[in-house]
């Protein structure tokens, strides 16, 4: 379970970085950022 959670967080941060490179995904980036912060706690 812990490994899955870490993988999910890693995946969200990778999505976040890729969306930073694509300004069209700004809304999605904000969503993934807040979700990533929630998962990290």
PDB file of N, CA and C in Angstrom:
ATOM      1  N   UNK A   1       0.831  -1.214   0.000  1.00  0.00           N
ATOM      2  CA  UNK A   1       0.000   0.000   0.000  1.00  0.00           C
ATOM      3  C   UNK A   1       0.870   1.270   0.000  1.00  0.00           C
ATOM      4  N   UNK A   2       1.905   1.299   0.846  1.00  0.00           N
ATOM      5  CA  UNK A   2       2.768   2.481   0.932  1.00  0.00           C
ATOM      6  C   UNK A   2       3.486   2.711  -0.391  1.00  0.00           C
ATOM      7  N   UNK A   3       3.943   1.614  -0.999  1.00  0.00           N
ATOM      8  CA  UNK A   3       4.621   1.717  -2.295  1.00  0.00           C
ATOM      9  C   UNK A   3       3.700   2.270  -3.370  1.00  0.00           C
ATOM     10  N   UNK A   4       2.436   1.850  -3.342  1.00  0.00           N
ATOM     11  CA  UNK A   4       1.456   2.335  -4.315  1.00  0.00           C
ATOM     12  C   UNK A   4       1.218   3.833  -4.149  1.00  0.00           C
ATOM     13  N   UNK A   5       1.157   4.273  -2.899  1.00  0.00           N
ATOM     14  CA  UNK A   5       0.924   5.691  -2.630  1.00  0.00           C
ATOM     15  C   UNK A   5       2.097   6.527  -3.138  1.00  0.00           C
ATOM     16  N   UNK A   6       3.325   6.039  -2.877  1.00  0.00           N
ATOM     17  CA  UNK A   6       4.512   6.758  -3.349  1.00  0.00           C
ATOM     18  C   UNK A   6       4.545   6.808  -4.864  1.00  0.00           C
ATOM     19  N   UNK A   7       4.150   5.711  -5.505  1.00  0.00           N
ATOM     20  CA  UNK A   7       4.115   5.668  -6.974  1.00  0.00           C
ATOM     21  C   UNK A   7       3.096   6.668  -7.510  1.00  0.00           C
ATOM     22  N   UNK A   8       1.957   6.761  -6.835  1.00  0.00           N
ATOM     23  CA  UNK A   8       0.909   7.697  -7.253  1.00  0.00           C
ATOM     24  C   UNK A   8       1.395   9.137  -7.141  1.00  0.00           C
ATOM     25  N   UNK A   9       2.060   9.446  -6.028  1.00  0.00           N
ATOM     26  CA  UNK A   9       2.596  10.800  -5.827  1.00  0.00           C
ATOM     27  C   UNK A   9       3.616  11.124  -6.913  1.00  0.00           C
ATOM     28  N   UNK A  10       4.494  10.144  -7.188  1.00  0.00           N
ATOM     29  CA  UNK A  10       5.523  10.326  -8.216  1.00  0.00           C
ATOM     30  C   UNK A  10       4.871  10.590  -9.570  1.00  0.00           C
ATOM     31  N   UNK A  11       3.817   9.825  -9.863  1.00  0.00           N
ATOM     32  CA  UNK A  11       3.107   9.972 -11.138  1.00  0.00           C
ATOM     33  C   UNK A  11       2.478  11.356 -11.249  1.00  0.00           C
ATOM     34  N   UNK A  12       1.871  11.836 -10.150  1.00  0.00           N
ATOM     35  CA  UNK A  12       1.249  13.158 -10.174  1.00  0.00           C
ATOM     36  C   UNK A  12       2.274  14.265 -10.389  1.00  0.00           C
ATOM     37  N   UNK A  13       3.452  14.129  -9.744  1.00  0.00           N
ATOM     38  CA  UNK A  13       4.484  15.145  -9.925  1.00  0.00           C
ATOM     39  C   UNK A  13       5.049  15.123 -11.335  1.00  0.00           C
ATOM     40  N   UNK A  14       5.154  13.919 -11.935  1.00  0.00           N
ATOM     41  CA  UNK A  14       5.618  13.826 -13.327  1.00  0.00           C
ATOM     42  C   UNK A  14       4.616  14.494 -14.261  1.00  0.00           C
ATOM     43  N   UNK A  15       3.313  14.276 -13.997  1.00  0.00           N
ATOM     44  CA  UNK A  15       2.255  14.915 -14.789  1.00  0.00           C
ATOM     45  C   UNK A  15       2.326  16.428 -14.632  1.00  0.00           C
ATOM     46  N   UNK A  16       2.579  16.864 -13.415  1.00  0.00           N
ATOM     47  CA  UNK A  16       2.663  18.287 -13.095  1.00  0.00           C
ATOM     48  C   UNK A  16       3.796  18.952 -13.878  1.00  0.00           C
ATOM     49  N   UNK A  17       4.961  18.290 -13.886  1.00  0.00           N
ATOM     50  CA  UNK A  17       6.120  18.825 -14.601  1.00  0.00           C
ATOM     51  C   UNK A  17       5.844  18.896 -16.102  1.00  0.00           C
ATOM     52  N   UNK A  18       5.241  17.830 -16.642  1.00  0.00           N
ATOM     53  CA  UNK A  18       4.954  17.813 -18.080  1.00  0.00           C
ATOM     54  C   UNK A  18       3.915  18.871 -18.445  1.00  0.00           C
ATOM     55  N   UNK A  19       2.955  19.113 -17.533  1.00  0.00           N
ATOM     56  CA  UNK A  19       1.934  20.128 -17.800  1.00  0.00           C
ATOM     57  C   UNK A  19       2.489  21.543 -17.641  1.00  0.00           C
ATOM     58  N   UNK A  20       3.565  21.674 -16.849  1.00  0.00           N
ATOM     59  CA  UNK A  20       4.221  22.985 -16.743  1.00  0.00           C
ATOM     60  C   UNK A  20       4.797  23.387 -18.095  1.00  0.00           C
ATOM     61  N   UNK A  21       5.237  22.376 -18.860  1.00  0.00           N
ATOM     62  CA  UNK A  21       5.806  22.637 -20.177  1.00  0.00           C
ATOM     63  C   UNK A  21       4.724  22.959 -21.207  1.00  0.00           C
ATOM     64  N   UNK A  22       3.465  22.607 -20.884  1.00  0.00           N
ATOM     65  CA  UNK A  22       2.353  22.854 -21.799  1.00  0.00           C
ATOM     66  C   UNK A  22       1.355  23.807 -21.138  1.00  0.00           C
ATOM     67  N   UNK A  23       1.437  25.108 -21.427  1.00  0.00           N
ATOM     68  CA  UNK A  23       0.571  26.098 -20.767  1.00  0.00           C
ATOM     69  C   UNK A  23      -0.923  25.890 -21.010  1.00  0.00           C
ATOM     70  N   UNK A  24      -1.277  25.088 -22.028  1.00  0.00           N
ATOM     71  CA  UNK A  24      -2.693  24.822 -22.299  1.00  0.00           C
ATOM     72  C   UNK A  24      -3.329  23.959 -21.209  1.00  0.00           C
ATOM     73  N   UNK A  25      -2.477  23.258 -20.440  1.00  0.00           N
ATOM     74  CA  UNK A  25      -2.986  22.369 -19.389  1.00  0.00           C
ATOM     75  C   UNK A  25      -2.942  23.038 -18.016  1.00  0.00           C
ATOM     76  N   UNK A  26      -3.064  24.345 -17.998  1.00  0.00           N
ATOM     77  CA  UNK A  26      -2.905  25.102 -16.750  1.00  0.00           C
ATOM     78  C   UNK A  26      -3.901  24.663 -15.669  1.00  0.00           C
ATOM     79  N   UNK A  27      -5.162  24.507 -16.041  1.00  0.00           N
ATOM     80  CA  UNK A  27      -6.176  24.098 -15.071  1.00  0.00           C
ATOM     81  C   UNK A  27      -5.863  22.720 -14.515  1.00  0.00           C
ATOM     82  N   UNK A  28      -5.442  21.806 -15.392  1.00  0.00           N
ATOM     83  CA  UNK A  28      -5.106  20.457 -14.955  1.00  0.00           C
ATOM     84  C   UNK A  28      -3.894  20.475 -14.026  1.00  0.00           C
ATOM     85  N   UNK A  29      -2.948  21.348 -14.323  1.00  0.00           N
ATOM     86  CA  UNK A  29      -1.756  21.473 -13.485  1.00  0.00           C
ATOM     87  C   UNK A  29      -2.148  21.892 -12.068  1.00  0.00           C
ATOM     88  N   UNK A  30      -3.021  22.875 -11.954  1.00  0.00           N
ATOM     89  CA  UNK A  30      -3.454  23.349 -10.637  1.00  0.00           C
ATOM     90  C   UNK A  30      -4.155  22.234  -9.864  1.00  0.00           C
ATOM     91  N   UNK A  31      -4.941  21.428 -10.570  1.00  0.00           N
ATOM     92  CA  UNK A  31      -5.653  20.306  -9.954  1.00  0.00           C
ATOM     93  C   UNK A  31      -4.670  19.250  -9.460  1.00  0.00           C
ATOM     94  N   UNK A  32      -3.711  18.884 -10.303  1.00  0.00           N
ATOM     95  CA  UNK A  32      -2.734  17.863  -9.927  1.00  0.00           C
ATOM     96  C   UNK A  32      -1.827  18.361  -8.805  1.00  0.00           C
ATOM     97  N   UNK A  33      -1.554  19.664  -8.789  1.00  0.00           N
ATOM     98  CA  UNK A  33      -0.725  20.248  -7.728  1.00  0.00           C
ATOM     99  C   UNK A  33      -1.415  20.117  -6.379  1.00  0.00           C
ATOM    100  N   UNK A  34      -2.686  20.496  -6.311  1.00  0.00           N
ATOM    101  CA  UNK A  34      -3.419  20.416  -5.050  1.00  0.00           C
ATOM    102  C   UNK A  34      -3.605  18.960  -4.625  1.00  0.00           C
ATOM    103  N   UNK A  35      -3.830  18.070  -5.591  1.00  0.00           N
ATOM    104  CA  UNK A  35      -3.997  16.653  -5.290  1.00  0.00           C
ATOM    105  C   UNK A  35      -2.680  16.059  -4.795  1.00  0.00           C
ATOM    106  N   UNK A  36      -1.581  16.459  -5.412  1.00  0.00           N
ATOM    107  CA  UNK A  36      -0.263  15.998  -4.985  1.00  0.00           C
ATOM    108  C   UNK A  36       0.060  16.435  -3.569  1.00  0.00           C
ATOM    109  N   UNK A  37      -0.336  17.661  -3.218  1.00  0.00           N
ATOM    110  CA  UNK A  37      -0.105  18.176  -1.865  1.00  0.00           C
ATOM    111  C   UNK A  37      -0.937  17.376  -0.854  1.00  0.00           C
ATOM    112  N   UNK A  38      -2.175  17.066  -1.216  1.00  0.00           N
ATOM    113  CA  UNK A  38      -3.038  16.271  -0.326  1.00  0.00           C
ATOM    114  C   UNK A  38      -2.455  14.876  -0.115  1.00  0.00           C
ATOM    115  N   UNK A  39      -1.951  14.266  -1.181  1.00  0.00           N
ATOM    116  CA  UNK A  39      -1.390  12.914  -1.090  1.00  0.00           C
ATOM    117  C   UNK A  39      -0.096  12.889  -0.283  1.00  0.00           C
ATOM    118  N   UNK A  40       0.667  13.979  -0.334  1.00  0.00           N
ATOM    119  CA  UNK A  40       1.942  14.008   0.380  1.00  0.00           C
ATOM    120  C   UNK A  40       1.737  14.057   1.901  1.00  0.00           C
ATOM    121  N   UNK A  41       0.583  14.542   2.348  1.00  0.00           N
ATOM    122  CA  UNK A  41       0.263  14.531   3.776  1.00  0.00           C
ATOM    123  C   UNK A  41      -0.380  13.186   4.115  1.00  0.00           C
TER     124      UNK A  41
END
